[in-house]
């Protein structure tokens, strides 16, 4: 899939959302249902946790930290 196929619709929706926000701010008495729906919908989408991936699309977790076990149960000197 090309980059334009993914980004063009996203940029168009973002431009419509900004248009609705600016119209609500700059012309406060004359906005309607469409502007309010666009602004509320865009704000609602911003609350979704988009950083969460499905289990099949997630990479295995790895760390570079060493997990050395201590020989005793106490803490070391501070």
PDB file of N, CA and C in Angstrom:
ATOM      1  N   UNK A   1       0.841  -1.169   0.000  1.00  0.00           N
ATOM      2  CA  UNK A   1       0.000   0.000   0.000  1.00  0.00           C
ATOM      3  C   UNK A   1       0.894   1.243   0.000  1.00  0.00           C
ATOM      4  N   UNK A   2       0.584   2.179  -0.844  1.00  0.00           N
ATOM      5  CA  UNK A   2       1.429   3.369  -0.923  1.00  0.00           C
ATOM      6  C   UNK A   2       1.138   4.309   0.238  1.00  0.00           C
ATOM      7  N   UNK A   3       2.059   5.199   0.440  1.00  0.00           N
ATOM      8  CA  UNK A   3       1.940   6.145   1.545  1.00  0.00           C
ATOM      9  C   UNK A   3       0.758   7.087   1.320  1.00  0.00           C
ATOM     10  N   UNK A   4       0.550   7.514   0.088  1.00  0.00           N
ATOM     11  CA  UNK A   4      -0.530   8.454  -0.203  1.00  0.00           C
ATOM     12  C   UNK A   4      -1.908   7.868   0.081  1.00  0.00           C
ATOM     13  N   UNK A   5      -2.067   6.578  -0.141  1.00  0.00           N
ATOM     14  CA  UNK A   5      -3.362   5.938   0.082  1.00  0.00           C
ATOM     15  C   UNK A   5      -3.731   5.995   1.559  1.00  0.00           C
ATOM     16  N   UNK A   6      -2.745   5.918   2.425  1.00  0.00           N
ATOM     17  CA  UNK A   6      -3.016   5.980   3.863  1.00  0.00           C
ATOM     18  C   UNK A   6      -3.101   7.408   4.378  1.00  0.00           C
ATOM     19  N   UNK A   7      -2.241   8.297   3.915  1.00  0.00           N
ATOM     20  CA  UNK A   7      -2.134   9.630   4.486  1.00  0.00           C
ATOM     21  C   UNK A   7      -3.136  10.631   3.943  1.00  0.00           C
ATOM     22  N   UNK A   8      -3.514  10.528   2.689  1.00  0.00           N
ATOM     23  CA  UNK A   8      -4.433  11.513   2.111  1.00  0.00           C
ATOM     24  C   UNK A   8      -5.790  11.514   2.827  1.00  0.00           C
ATOM     25  N   UNK A   9      -6.432  10.367   3.032  1.00  0.00           N
ATOM     26  CA  UNK A   9      -7.709  10.412   3.773  1.00  0.00           C
ATOM     27  C   UNK A   9      -7.545  10.915   5.207  1.00  0.00           C
ATOM     28  N   UNK A  10      -6.456  10.538   5.855  1.00  0.00           N
ATOM     29  CA  UNK A  10      -6.227  11.000   7.230  1.00  0.00           C
ATOM     30  C   UNK A  10      -6.041  12.510   7.271  1.00  0.00           C
ATOM     31  N   UNK A  11      -5.310  13.054   6.325  1.00  0.00           N
ATOM     32  CA  UNK A  11      -5.115  14.503   6.283  1.00  0.00           C
ATOM     33  C   UNK A  11      -6.404  15.240   5.935  1.00  0.00           C
ATOM     34  N   UNK A  12      -7.227  14.648   5.095  1.00  0.00           N
ATOM     35  CA  UNK A  12      -8.510  15.270   4.760  1.00  0.00           C
ATOM     36  C   UNK A  12      -9.431  15.324   5.978  1.00  0.00           C
ATOM     37  N   UNK A  13      -9.484  14.253   6.735  1.00  0.00           N
ATOM     38  CA  UNK A  13     -10.312  14.232   7.943  1.00  0.00           C
ATOM     39  C   UNK A  13      -9.767  15.221   8.971  1.00  0.00           C
ATOM     40  N   UNK A  14      -8.448  15.297   9.106  1.00  0.00           N
ATOM     41  CA  UNK A  14      -7.843  16.247  10.040  1.00  0.00           C
ATOM     42  C   UNK A  14      -8.153  17.684   9.621  1.00  0.00           C
ATOM     43  N   UNK A  15      -8.112  17.970   8.325  1.00  0.00           N
ATOM     44  CA  UNK A  15      -8.422  19.318   7.844  1.00  0.00           C
ATOM     45  C   UNK A  15      -9.884  19.667   8.122  1.00  0.00           C
ATOM     46  N   UNK A  16     -10.789  18.703   7.920  1.00  0.00           N
ATOM     47  CA  UNK A  16     -12.201  18.956   8.231  1.00  0.00           C
ATOM     48  C   UNK A  16     -12.415  19.193   9.724  1.00  0.00           C
ATOM     49  N   UNK A  17     -11.688  18.460  10.546  1.00  0.00           N
ATOM     50  CA  UNK A  17     -11.817  18.650  11.990  1.00  0.00           C
ATOM     51  C   UNK A  17     -11.333  20.030  12.395  1.00  0.00           C
ATOM     52  N   UNK A  18     -10.181  20.447  11.866  1.00  0.00           N
ATOM     53  CA  UNK A  18      -9.673  21.780  12.192  1.00  0.00           C
ATOM     54  C   UNK A  18     -10.597  22.868  11.676  1.00  0.00           C
ATOM     55  N   UNK A  19     -11.194  22.659  10.499  1.00  0.00           N
ATOM     56  CA  UNK A  19     -12.153  23.619   9.965  1.00  0.00           C
ATOM     57  C   UNK A  19     -13.320  23.775  10.944  1.00  0.00           C
ATOM     58  N   UNK A  20     -13.845  22.664  11.462  1.00  0.00           N
ATOM     59  CA  UNK A  20     -14.969  22.712  12.392  1.00  0.00           C
ATOM     60  C   UNK A  20     -14.577  23.391  13.693  1.00  0.00           C
ATOM     61  N   UNK A  21     -13.392  23.093  14.201  1.00  0.00           N
ATOM     62  CA  UNK A  21     -12.936  23.721  15.451  1.00  0.00           C
ATOM     63  C   UNK A  21     -12.784  25.226  15.263  1.00  0.00           C
ATOM     64  N   UNK A  22     -12.110  25.639  14.201  1.00  0.00           N
ATOM     65  CA  UNK A  22     -11.918  27.072  13.963  1.00  0.00           C
ATOM     66  C   UNK A  22     -13.243  27.787  13.723  1.00  0.00           C
ATOM     67  N   UNK A  23     -14.156  27.139  13.029  1.00  0.00           N
ATOM     68  CA  UNK A  23     -15.465  27.753  12.795  1.00  0.00           C
ATOM     69  C   UNK A  23     -16.220  27.930  14.107  1.00  0.00           C
ATOM     70  N   UNK A  24     -16.130  26.943  15.009  1.00  0.00           N
ATOM     71  CA  UNK A  24     -16.807  27.069  16.304  1.00  0.00           C
ATOM     72  C   UNK A  24     -16.192  28.161  17.162  1.00  0.00           C
ATOM     73  N   UNK A  25     -14.868  28.336  17.049  1.00  0.00           N
ATOM     74  CA  UNK A  25     -14.190  29.346  17.865  1.00  0.00           C
ATOM     75  C   UNK A  25     -14.378  30.756  17.290  1.00  0.00           C
ATOM     76  N   UNK A  26     -14.248  30.882  15.980  1.00  0.00           N
ATOM     77  CA  UNK A  26     -14.277  32.206  15.365  1.00  0.00           C
ATOM     78  C   UNK A  26     -15.686  32.728  15.087  1.00  0.00           C
ATOM     79  N   UNK A  27     -16.643  31.839  14.891  1.00  0.00           N
ATOM     80  CA  UNK A  27     -18.031  32.242  14.618  1.00  0.00           C
ATOM     81  C   UNK A  27     -18.929  31.522  15.624  1.00  0.00           C
ATOM     82  N   UNK A  28     -18.926  31.942  16.884  1.00  0.00           N
ATOM     83  CA  UNK A  28     -19.557  31.154  17.926  1.00  0.00           C
ATOM     84  C   UNK A  28     -21.079  31.036  17.849  1.00  0.00           C
ATOM     85  N   UNK A  29     -21.809  31.864  17.243  1.00  0.00           N
ATOM     86  CA  UNK A  29     -23.268  31.739  17.258  1.00  0.00           C
ATOM     87  C   UNK A  29     -23.834  31.054  16.037  1.00  0.00           C
ATOM     88  N   UNK A  30     -23.037  30.821  15.022  1.00  0.00           N
ATOM     89  CA  UNK A  30     -23.579  30.364  13.761  1.00  0.00           C
ATOM     90  C   UNK A  30     -23.116  28.962  13.360  1.00  0.00           C
ATOM     91  N   UNK A  31     -22.607  28.214  14.296  1.00  0.00           N
ATOM     92  CA  UNK A  31     -22.195  26.844  13.970  1.00  0.00           C
ATOM     93  C   UNK A  31     -23.372  25.916  14.175  1.00  0.00           C
ATOM     94  N   UNK A  32     -23.350  24.805  13.504  1.00  0.00           N
ATOM     95  CA  UNK A  32     -24.482  23.895  13.564  1.00  0.00           C
ATOM     96  C   UNK A  32     -24.110  22.510  14.040  1.00  0.00           C
ATOM     97  N   UNK A  33     -24.998  21.593  13.722  1.00  0.00           N
ATOM     98  CA  UNK A  33     -24.866  20.210  14.153  1.00  0.00           C
ATOM     99  C   UNK A  33     -23.637  19.539  13.547  1.00  0.00           C
ATOM    100  N   UNK A  34     -23.347  19.835  12.290  1.00  0.00           N
ATOM    101  CA  UNK A  34     -22.228  19.186  11.597  1.00  0.00           C
ATOM    102  C   UNK A  34     -20.899  19.550  12.252  1.00  0.00           C
ATOM    103  N   UNK A  35     -20.710  20.837  12.536  1.00  0.00           N
ATOM    104  CA  UNK A  35     -19.464  21.260  13.181  1.00  0.00           C
ATOM    105  C   UNK A  35     -19.326  20.649  14.565  1.00  0.00           C
ATOM    106  N   UNK A  36     -20.406  20.667  15.325  1.00  0.00           N
ATOM    107  CA  UNK A  36     -20.361  20.096  16.668  1.00  0.00           C
ATOM    108  C   UNK A  36     -20.070  18.608  16.658  1.00  0.00           C
ATOM    109  N   UNK A  37     -20.648  17.904  15.705  1.00  0.00           N
ATOM    110  CA  UNK A  37     -20.411  16.471  15.590  1.00  0.00           C
ATOM    111  C   UNK A  37     -18.973  16.183  15.198  1.00  0.00           C
ATOM    112  N   UNK A  38     -18.438  16.956  14.267  1.00  0.00           N
ATOM    113  CA  UNK A  38     -17.045  16.769  13.841  1.00  0.00           C
ATOM    114  C   UNK A  38     -16.080  17.002  15.005  1.00  0.00           C
ATOM    115  N   UNK A  39     -16.308  18.083  15.757  1.00  0.00           N
ATOM    116  CA  UNK A  39     -15.406  18.406  16.870  1.00  0.00           C
ATOM    117  C   UNK A  39     -15.501  17.350  17.964  1.00  0.00           C
ATOM    118  N   UNK A  40     -16.720  16.977  18.334  1.00  0.00           N
ATOM    119  CA  UNK A  40     -16.893  15.975  19.391  1.00  0.00           C
ATOM    120  C   UNK A  40     -16.352  14.614  18.955  1.00  0.00           C
ATOM    121  N   UNK A  41     -16.563  14.251  17.710  1.00  0.00           N
ATOM    122  CA  UNK A  41     -16.060  12.964  17.217  1.00  0.00           C
ATOM    123  C   UNK A  41     -14.549  12.915  17.182  1.00  0.00           C
ATOM    124  N   UNK A  42     -13.929  13.993  16.731  1.00  0.00           N
ATOM    125  CA  UNK A  42     -12.466  14.047  16.694  1.00  0.00           C
ATOM    126  C   UNK A  42     -11.872  14.022  18.084  1.00  0.00           C
ATOM    127  N   UNK A  43     -12.505  14.731  19.013  1.00  0.00           N
ATOM    128  CA  UNK A  43     -12.020  14.719  20.391  1.00  0.00           C
ATOM    129  C   UNK A  43     -12.176  13.321  20.979  1.00  0.00           C
ATOM    130  N   UNK A  44     -13.284  12.658  20.692  1.00  0.00           N
ATOM    131  CA  UNK A  44     -13.494  11.298  21.190  1.00  0.00           C
ATOM    132  C   UNK A  44     -12.475  10.323  20.631  1.00  0.00           C
ATOM    133  N   UNK A  45     -12.132  10.475  19.360  1.00  0.00           N
ATOM    134  CA  UNK A  45     -11.117   9.596  18.768  1.00  0.00           C
ATOM    135  C   UNK A  45      -9.749   9.820  19.404  1.00  0.00           C
ATOM    136  N   UNK A  46      -9.499  11.034  19.857  1.00  0.00           N
ATOM    137  CA  UNK A  46      -8.191  11.301  20.474  1.00  0.00           C
ATOM    138  C   UNK A  46      -8.048  10.582  21.807  1.00  0.00           C
ATOM    139  N   UNK A  47      -9.149  10.158  22.389  1.00  0.00           N
ATOM    140  CA  UNK A  47      -9.083   9.443  23.668  1.00  0.00           C
ATOM    141  C   UNK A  47      -8.810   7.955  23.507  1.00  0.00           C
ATOM    142  N   UNK A  48      -8.910   7.436  22.294  1.00  0.00           N
ATOM    143  CA  UNK A  48      -8.664   6.015  22.082  1.00  0.00           C
ATOM    144  C   UNK A  48      -7.190   5.679  22.277  1.00  0.00           C
ATOM    145  N   UNK A  49      -6.905   4.549  22.869  1.00  0.00           N
ATOM    146  CA  UNK A  49      -5.503   4.152  23.047  1.00  0.00           C
ATOM    147  C   UNK A  49      -4.939   3.555  21.765  1.00  0.00           C
ATOM    148  N   UNK A  50      -4.486   4.400  20.857  1.00  0.00           N
ATOM    149  CA  UNK A  50      -4.005   3.917  19.566  1.00  0.00           C
ATOM    150  C   UNK A  50      -2.657   3.217  19.668  1.00  0.00           C
ATOM    151  N   UNK A  51      -1.999   3.317  20.803  1.00  0.00           N
ATOM    152  CA  UNK A  51      -0.708   2.653  20.960  1.00  0.00           C
ATOM    153  C   UNK A  51      -0.867   1.158  21.261  1.00  0.00           C
ATOM    154  N   UNK A  52      -2.076   0.721  21.512  1.00  0.00           N
ATOM    155  CA  UNK A  52      -2.320  -0.684  21.828  1.00  0.00           C
ATOM    156  C   UNK A  52      -2.442  -1.467  20.524  1.00  0.00           C
ATOM    157  N   UNK A  53      -1.696  -2.535  20.416  1.00  0.00           N
ATOM    158  CA  UNK A  53      -1.742  -3.383  19.221  1.00  0.00           C
ATOM    159  C   UNK A  53      -2.369  -4.719  19.580  1.00  0.00           C
ATOM    160  N   UNK A  54      -2.897  -5.393  18.588  1.00  0.00           N
ATOM    161  CA  UNK A  54      -3.475  -6.708  18.840  1.00  0.00           C
ATOM    162  C   UNK A  54      -2.361  -7.692  19.204  1.00  0.00           C
ATOM    163  N   UNK A  55      -2.739  -8.796  19.795  1.00  0.00           N
ATOM    164  CA  UNK A  55      -1.746  -9.779  20.237  1.00  0.00           C
ATOM    165  C   UNK A  55      -0.966 -10.353  19.059  1.00  0.00           C
ATOM    166  N   UNK A  56      -1.609 -10.475  17.905  1.00  0.00           N
ATOM    167  CA  UNK A  56      -0.906 -11.032  16.751  1.00  0.00           C
ATOM    168  C   UNK A  56       0.062 -10.016  16.137  1.00  0.00           C
ATOM    169  N   UNK A  57      -0.201  -8.712  16.318  1.00  0.00           N
ATOM    170  CA  UNK A  57       0.666  -7.692  15.734  1.00  0.00           C
ATOM    171  C   UNK A  57       1.715  -7.172  16.677  1.00  0.00           C
ATOM    172  N   UNK A  58       1.731  -7.659  17.878  1.00  0.00           N
ATOM    173  CA  UNK A  58       2.662  -7.164  18.879  1.00  0.00           C
ATOM    174  C   UNK A  58       4.007  -7.879  18.766  1.00  0.00           C
ATOM    175  N   UNK A  59       5.077  -7.143  18.920  1.00  0.00           N
ATOM    176  CA  UNK A  59       6.416  -7.757  18.913  1.00  0.00           C
ATOM    177  C   UNK A  59       6.709  -8.347  20.286  1.00  0.00           C
ATOM    178  N   UNK A  60       7.534  -9.352  20.340  1.00  0.00           N
ATOM    179  CA  UNK A  60       7.889  -9.898  21.653  1.00  0.00           C
ATOM    180  C   UNK A  60       8.672  -8.882  22.466  1.00  0.00           C
ATOM    181  N   UNK A  61       8.399  -8.861  23.741  1.00  0.00           N
ATOM    182  CA  UNK A  61       9.065  -7.909  24.622  1.00  0.00           C
ATOM    183  C   UNK A  61      10.460  -8.384  24.970  1.00  0.00           C
ATOM    184  N   UNK A  62      11.409  -7.524  24.820  1.00  0.00           N
ATOM    185  CA  UNK A  62      12.773  -7.874  25.205  1.00  0.00           C
ATOM    186  C   UNK A  62      13.376  -6.701  25.955  1.00  0.00           C
ATOM    187  N   UNK A  63      14.355  -7.000  26.760  1.00  0.00           N
ATOM    188  CA  UNK A  63      15.011  -5.957  27.538  1.00  0.00           C
ATOM    189  C   UNK A  63      16.510  -6.161  27.498  1.00  0.00           C
ATOM    190  N   UNK A  64      17.217  -5.101  27.708  1.00  0.00           N
ATOM    191  CA  UNK A  64      18.680  -5.190  27.747  1.00  0.00           C
ATOM    192  C   UNK A  64      19.204  -5.241  29.182  1.00  0.00           C
ATOM    193  N   UNK A  65      18.302  -5.052  30.124  1.00  0.00           N
ATOM    194  CA  UNK A  65      18.726  -5.056  31.522  1.00  0.00           C
ATOM    195  C   UNK A  65      19.082  -6.481  31.963  1.00  0.00           C
ATOM    196  N   UNK A  66      20.112  -6.586  32.758  1.00  0.00           N
ATOM    197  CA  UNK A  66      20.487  -7.908  33.253  1.00  0.00           C
ATOM    198  C   UNK A  66      19.632  -8.256  34.459  1.00  0.00           C
ATOM    199  N   UNK A  67      19.360  -9.503  34.604  1.00  0.00           N
ATOM    200  CA  UNK A  67      18.559  -9.968  35.727  1.00  0.00           C
ATOM    201  C   UNK A  67      19.404 -10.860  36.621  1.00  0.00           C
ATOM    202  N   UNK A  68      20.498 -10.309  37.107  1.00  0.00           N
ATOM    203  CA  UNK A  68      21.340 -11.101  38.007  1.00  0.00           C
ATOM    204  C   UNK A  68      20.624 -11.291  39.333  1.00  0.00           C
ATOM    205  N   UNK A  69      20.690 -12.481  39.816  1.00  0.00           N
ATOM    206  CA  UNK A  69      20.074 -12.771  41.106  1.00  0.00           C
ATOM    207  C   UNK A  69      21.106 -12.562  42.192  1.00  0.00           C
ATOM    208  N   UNK A  70      20.625 -12.050  43.293  1.00  0.00           N
ATOM    209  CA  UNK A  70      21.523 -11.858  44.435  1.00  0.00           C
ATOM    210  C   UNK A  70      21.636 -13.158  45.200  1.00  0.00           C
ATOM    211  N   UNK A  71      22.778 -13.351  45.830  1.00  0.00           N
ATOM    212  CA  UNK A  71      22.978 -14.580  46.592  1.00  0.00           C
ATOM    213  C   UNK A  71      22.235 -14.526  47.925  1.00  0.00           C
ATOM    214  N   UNK A  72      22.002 -13.345  48.443  1.00  0.00           N
ATOM    215  CA  UNK A  72      21.250 -13.237  49.685  1.00  0.00           C
ATOM    216  C   UNK A  72      19.963 -12.425  49.431  1.00  0.00           C
ATOM    217  N   UNK A  73      19.062 -12.474  50.370  1.00  0.00           N
ATOM    218  CA  UNK A  73      17.777 -11.816  50.196  1.00  0.00           C
ATOM    219  C   UNK A  73      17.805 -10.353  50.593  1.00  0.00           C
ATOM    220  N   UNK A  74      18.846  -9.902  51.282  1.00  0.00           N
ATOM    221  CA  UNK A  74      18.913  -8.534  51.759  1.00  0.00           C
ATOM    222  C   UNK A  74      19.321  -7.560  50.683  1.00  0.00           C
ATOM    223  N   UNK A  75      19.250  -6.294  51.001  1.00  0.00           N
ATOM    224  CA  UNK A  75      19.656  -5.277  50.020  1.00  0.00           C
ATOM    225  C   UNK A  75      21.138  -4.970  50.202  1.00  0.00           C
ATOM    226  N   UNK A  76      21.742  -4.475  49.163  1.00  0.00           N
ATOM    227  CA  UNK A  76      23.162  -4.161  49.193  1.00  0.00           C
ATOM    228  C   UNK A  76      23.419  -2.836  49.897  1.00  0.00           C
ATOM    229  N   UNK A  77      24.692  -2.489  50.050  1.00  0.00           N
ATOM    230  CA  UNK A  77      25.005  -1.221  50.711  1.00  0.00           C
ATOM    231  C   UNK A  77      24.570  -0.047  49.842  1.00  0.00           C
ATOM    232  N   UNK A  78      24.134   1.026  50.481  1.00  0.00           N
ATOM    233  CA  UNK A  78      23.687   2.188  49.717  1.00  0.00           C
ATOM    234  C   UNK A  78      24.695   3.297  49.756  1.00  0.00           C
TER     235      UNK A  78
END
